[in-house]
């Protein structure tokens, strides 16, 4: 639970613009993963979609936390990789 709490605390401290970029990146990743899995976006209901997006956002934030402050600054200036 410490990792999840740390990620949530880190996310809450970030600027809305950065959180929006991470959300868009998560949506693209999920859409790509659905294509590779042979599923369509229409196959998911709203709750499933929101849950999958939230999980992907968590994965992205954990990657950024591992990368350190330099990664966060890079995101702010250059966007989400």
N, C-alpha and C. Protein backbone atom coordinates (compact mmCIF):
# COMPACT_ATOMS: atom_id res chain seq x y z
N UNK A 1 0.80 -1.19 0.00
CA UNK A 1 0.00 0.00 0.00
C UNK A 1 0.86 1.26 0.00
N UNK A 2 2.09 1.16 0.46
CA UNK A 2 2.95 2.34 0.49
C UNK A 2 3.18 2.89 -0.91
N UNK A 3 3.38 1.99 -1.86
CA UNK A 3 3.65 2.42 -3.23
C UNK A 3 2.43 3.15 -3.80
N UNK A 4 1.26 2.60 -3.58
CA UNK A 4 0.03 3.22 -4.10
C UNK A 4 -0.17 4.58 -3.46
N UNK A 5 0.04 4.69 -2.15
CA UNK A 5 -0.10 5.98 -1.47
C UNK A 5 0.92 6.98 -1.97
N UNK A 6 2.14 6.51 -2.22
CA UNK A 6 3.18 7.40 -2.72
C UNK A 6 2.84 7.91 -4.12
N UNK A 7 2.33 7.03 -4.96
CA UNK A 7 1.94 7.42 -6.32
C UNK A 7 0.79 8.43 -6.27
N UNK A 8 -0.22 8.16 -5.44
CA UNK A 8 -1.35 9.08 -5.33
C UNK A 8 -0.92 10.44 -4.81
N UNK A 9 -0.03 10.47 -3.84
CA UNK A 9 0.47 11.74 -3.32
C UNK A 9 1.25 12.50 -4.38
N UNK A 10 2.06 11.79 -5.13
CA UNK A 10 2.85 12.40 -6.21
C UNK A 10 1.94 12.97 -7.28
N UNK A 11 0.92 12.22 -7.67
CA UNK A 11 0.00 12.65 -8.72
C UNK A 11 -0.77 13.89 -8.28
N UNK A 12 -1.23 13.90 -7.05
CA UNK A 12 -2.02 15.03 -6.55
C UNK A 12 -1.22 16.33 -6.50
N UNK A 13 0.07 16.24 -6.40
CA UNK A 13 0.92 17.43 -6.34
C UNK A 13 1.22 18.00 -7.73
N UNK A 14 0.93 17.27 -8.78
CA UNK A 14 1.29 17.69 -10.13
C UNK A 14 0.28 18.69 -10.70
N UNK A 15 0.75 19.45 -11.63
CA UNK A 15 -0.06 20.44 -12.32
C UNK A 15 -1.14 19.74 -13.15
N UNK A 16 -2.27 20.40 -13.31
CA UNK A 16 -3.39 19.82 -14.06
C UNK A 16 -2.98 19.51 -15.51
N UNK A 17 -2.13 20.35 -16.08
CA UNK A 17 -1.68 20.16 -17.46
C UNK A 17 -0.91 18.84 -17.60
N UNK A 18 -0.05 18.56 -16.64
CA UNK A 18 0.74 17.33 -16.67
C UNK A 18 -0.18 16.12 -16.47
N UNK A 19 -1.12 16.23 -15.54
CA UNK A 19 -2.05 15.11 -15.31
C UNK A 19 -2.88 14.84 -16.56
N UNK A 20 -3.24 15.90 -17.28
CA UNK A 20 -4.01 15.74 -18.51
C UNK A 20 -3.19 15.01 -19.57
N UNK A 21 -1.92 15.35 -19.68
CA UNK A 21 -1.05 14.68 -20.65
C UNK A 21 -0.89 13.20 -20.31
N UNK A 22 -0.76 12.91 -19.02
CA UNK A 22 -0.63 11.51 -18.61
C UNK A 22 -1.92 10.76 -18.91
N UNK A 23 -3.07 11.39 -18.69
CA UNK A 23 -4.36 10.75 -18.98
C UNK A 23 -4.47 10.43 -20.47
N UNK A 24 -4.08 11.38 -21.33
CA UNK A 24 -4.15 11.16 -22.77
C UNK A 24 -3.23 10.02 -23.20
N UNK A 25 -2.04 9.99 -22.61
CA UNK A 25 -1.09 8.91 -22.92
C UNK A 25 -1.65 7.57 -22.48
N UNK A 26 -2.28 7.54 -21.31
CA UNK A 26 -2.87 6.29 -20.82
C UNK A 26 -3.98 5.82 -21.75
N UNK A 27 -4.77 6.75 -22.25
CA UNK A 27 -5.86 6.38 -23.17
C UNK A 27 -5.29 5.79 -24.46
N UNK A 28 -4.23 6.39 -24.98
CA UNK A 28 -3.62 5.87 -26.20
C UNK A 28 -3.05 4.47 -25.96
N UNK A 29 -2.39 4.30 -24.81
CA UNK A 29 -1.82 2.99 -24.48
C UNK A 29 -2.90 1.92 -24.37
N UNK A 30 -4.00 2.26 -23.72
CA UNK A 30 -5.09 1.29 -23.55
C UNK A 30 -5.71 0.95 -24.90
N UNK A 31 -5.92 1.95 -25.74
CA UNK A 31 -6.48 1.68 -27.06
C UNK A 31 -5.56 0.76 -27.86
N UNK A 32 -4.26 0.99 -27.79
CA UNK A 32 -3.29 0.14 -28.48
C UNK A 32 -3.33 -1.28 -27.92
N UNK A 33 -3.38 -1.40 -26.60
CA UNK A 33 -3.43 -2.72 -25.98
C UNK A 33 -4.71 -3.47 -26.36
N UNK A 34 -5.82 -2.75 -26.46
CA UNK A 34 -7.07 -3.40 -26.88
C UNK A 34 -6.96 -3.92 -28.30
N UNK A 35 -6.33 -3.16 -29.18
CA UNK A 35 -6.15 -3.60 -30.56
C UNK A 35 -5.30 -4.87 -30.61
N UNK A 36 -4.21 -4.88 -29.83
CA UNK A 36 -3.36 -6.06 -29.81
C UNK A 36 -4.09 -7.27 -29.23
N UNK A 37 -5.01 -7.03 -28.30
CA UNK A 37 -5.76 -8.11 -27.68
C UNK A 37 -6.94 -8.56 -28.54
N UNK A 38 -7.21 -7.84 -29.62
CA UNK A 38 -8.30 -8.20 -30.51
C UNK A 38 -9.67 -7.78 -30.01
N UNK A 39 -9.69 -6.79 -29.12
CA UNK A 39 -10.97 -6.29 -28.61
C UNK A 39 -11.21 -4.89 -29.15
N UNK A 40 -12.46 -4.49 -29.10
CA UNK A 40 -12.81 -3.14 -29.54
C UNK A 40 -13.22 -2.30 -28.35
N UNK A 41 -13.09 -1.01 -28.50
CA UNK A 41 -13.46 -0.09 -27.43
C UNK A 41 -14.94 -0.21 -27.11
N UNK A 42 -15.74 -0.50 -28.10
CA UNK A 42 -17.18 -0.63 -27.89
C UNK A 42 -17.54 -1.86 -27.06
N UNK A 43 -16.61 -2.81 -26.93
CA UNK A 43 -16.87 -4.01 -26.14
C UNK A 43 -16.85 -3.73 -24.64
N UNK A 44 -16.24 -2.62 -24.24
CA UNK A 44 -16.11 -2.27 -22.83
C UNK A 44 -17.24 -1.34 -22.40
N UNK A 45 -17.69 -1.52 -21.16
CA UNK A 45 -18.63 -0.54 -20.64
C UNK A 45 -17.83 0.57 -19.95
N UNK A 46 -18.52 1.61 -19.52
CA UNK A 46 -17.86 2.80 -18.98
C UNK A 46 -17.01 2.48 -17.76
N UNK A 47 -17.52 1.63 -16.87
CA UNK A 47 -16.77 1.30 -15.66
C UNK A 47 -15.49 0.55 -15.98
N UNK A 48 -15.55 -0.40 -16.91
CA UNK A 48 -14.34 -1.13 -17.32
C UNK A 48 -13.31 -0.17 -17.92
N UNK A 49 -13.78 0.72 -18.79
CA UNK A 49 -12.90 1.69 -19.44
C UNK A 49 -12.20 2.57 -18.41
N UNK A 50 -12.97 3.09 -17.45
CA UNK A 50 -12.39 3.95 -16.42
C UNK A 50 -11.38 3.20 -15.57
N UNK A 51 -11.70 1.95 -15.25
CA UNK A 51 -10.80 1.15 -14.43
C UNK A 51 -9.48 0.87 -15.17
N UNK A 52 -9.58 0.51 -16.43
CA UNK A 52 -8.38 0.23 -17.22
C UNK A 52 -7.53 1.49 -17.38
N UNK A 53 -8.17 2.63 -17.63
CA UNK A 53 -7.43 3.89 -17.75
C UNK A 53 -6.73 4.23 -16.45
N UNK A 54 -7.41 4.06 -15.32
CA UNK A 54 -6.81 4.35 -14.02
C UNK A 54 -5.59 3.47 -13.76
N UNK A 55 -5.69 2.20 -14.13
CA UNK A 55 -4.54 1.31 -13.95
C UNK A 55 -3.37 1.75 -14.82
N UNK A 56 -3.64 2.12 -16.05
CA UNK A 56 -2.58 2.54 -16.96
C UNK A 56 -1.94 3.85 -16.49
N UNK A 57 -2.75 4.76 -15.96
CA UNK A 57 -2.21 6.01 -15.41
C UNK A 57 -1.27 5.71 -14.25
N UNK A 58 -1.67 4.77 -13.41
CA UNK A 58 -0.83 4.39 -12.28
C UNK A 58 0.51 3.84 -12.76
N UNK A 59 0.49 3.04 -13.80
CA UNK A 59 1.73 2.49 -14.36
C UNK A 59 2.61 3.62 -14.90
N UNK A 60 2.02 4.57 -15.59
CA UNK A 60 2.79 5.69 -16.15
C UNK A 60 3.39 6.53 -15.02
N UNK A 61 2.60 6.85 -13.99
CA UNK A 61 3.12 7.64 -12.88
C UNK A 61 4.25 6.91 -12.16
N UNK A 62 4.15 5.59 -12.01
CA UNK A 62 5.22 4.83 -11.36
C UNK A 62 6.50 4.91 -12.18
N UNK A 63 6.38 4.87 -13.51
CA UNK A 63 7.56 5.02 -14.36
C UNK A 63 8.20 6.39 -14.17
N UNK A 64 7.37 7.42 -14.08
CA UNK A 64 7.89 8.76 -13.89
C UNK A 64 8.56 8.91 -12.54
N UNK A 65 7.98 8.29 -11.50
CA UNK A 65 8.58 8.38 -10.17
C UNK A 65 9.94 7.69 -10.14
N UNK A 66 10.07 6.60 -10.86
CA UNK A 66 11.35 5.90 -10.92
C UNK A 66 12.39 6.73 -11.66
N UNK A 67 11.92 7.50 -12.63
CA UNK A 67 12.82 8.34 -13.42
C UNK A 67 13.32 9.56 -12.67
N UNK A 68 12.62 9.95 -11.62
CA UNK A 68 13.04 11.07 -10.81
C UNK A 68 12.50 12.40 -11.30
N UNK A 69 13.00 13.44 -10.69
CA UNK A 69 12.53 14.79 -10.97
C UNK A 69 12.85 15.21 -12.39
N UNK A 70 13.93 14.73 -12.95
CA UNK A 70 14.29 15.07 -14.33
C UNK A 70 13.21 14.64 -15.31
N UNK A 71 12.63 13.49 -15.05
CA UNK A 71 11.56 13.01 -15.92
C UNK A 71 10.33 13.91 -15.83
N UNK A 72 9.99 14.33 -14.64
CA UNK A 72 8.84 15.20 -14.46
C UNK A 72 9.07 16.53 -15.18
N UNK A 73 10.26 17.08 -15.06
CA UNK A 73 10.57 18.32 -15.77
C UNK A 73 10.53 18.13 -17.28
N UNK A 74 11.01 17.00 -17.73
CA UNK A 74 10.97 16.72 -19.17
C UNK A 74 9.53 16.62 -19.67
N UNK A 75 8.68 16.04 -18.87
CA UNK A 75 7.27 15.95 -19.25
C UNK A 75 6.67 17.34 -19.33
N UNK A 76 7.00 18.18 -18.37
CA UNK A 76 6.43 19.52 -18.34
C UNK A 76 6.82 20.31 -19.58
N UNK A 77 8.04 20.12 -20.06
CA UNK A 77 8.52 20.90 -21.19
C UNK A 77 8.31 20.23 -22.55
N UNK A 78 8.44 18.90 -22.60
CA UNK A 78 8.41 18.20 -23.87
C UNK A 78 7.19 17.32 -24.07
N UNK A 79 6.40 17.10 -23.05
CA UNK A 79 5.23 16.25 -23.17
C UNK A 79 5.52 14.83 -22.77
N UNK A 80 4.48 14.03 -22.76
CA UNK A 80 4.59 12.63 -22.35
C UNK A 80 5.23 11.83 -23.49
N UNK A 81 6.22 10.97 -23.16
CA UNK A 81 6.88 10.19 -24.21
C UNK A 81 5.96 9.18 -24.85
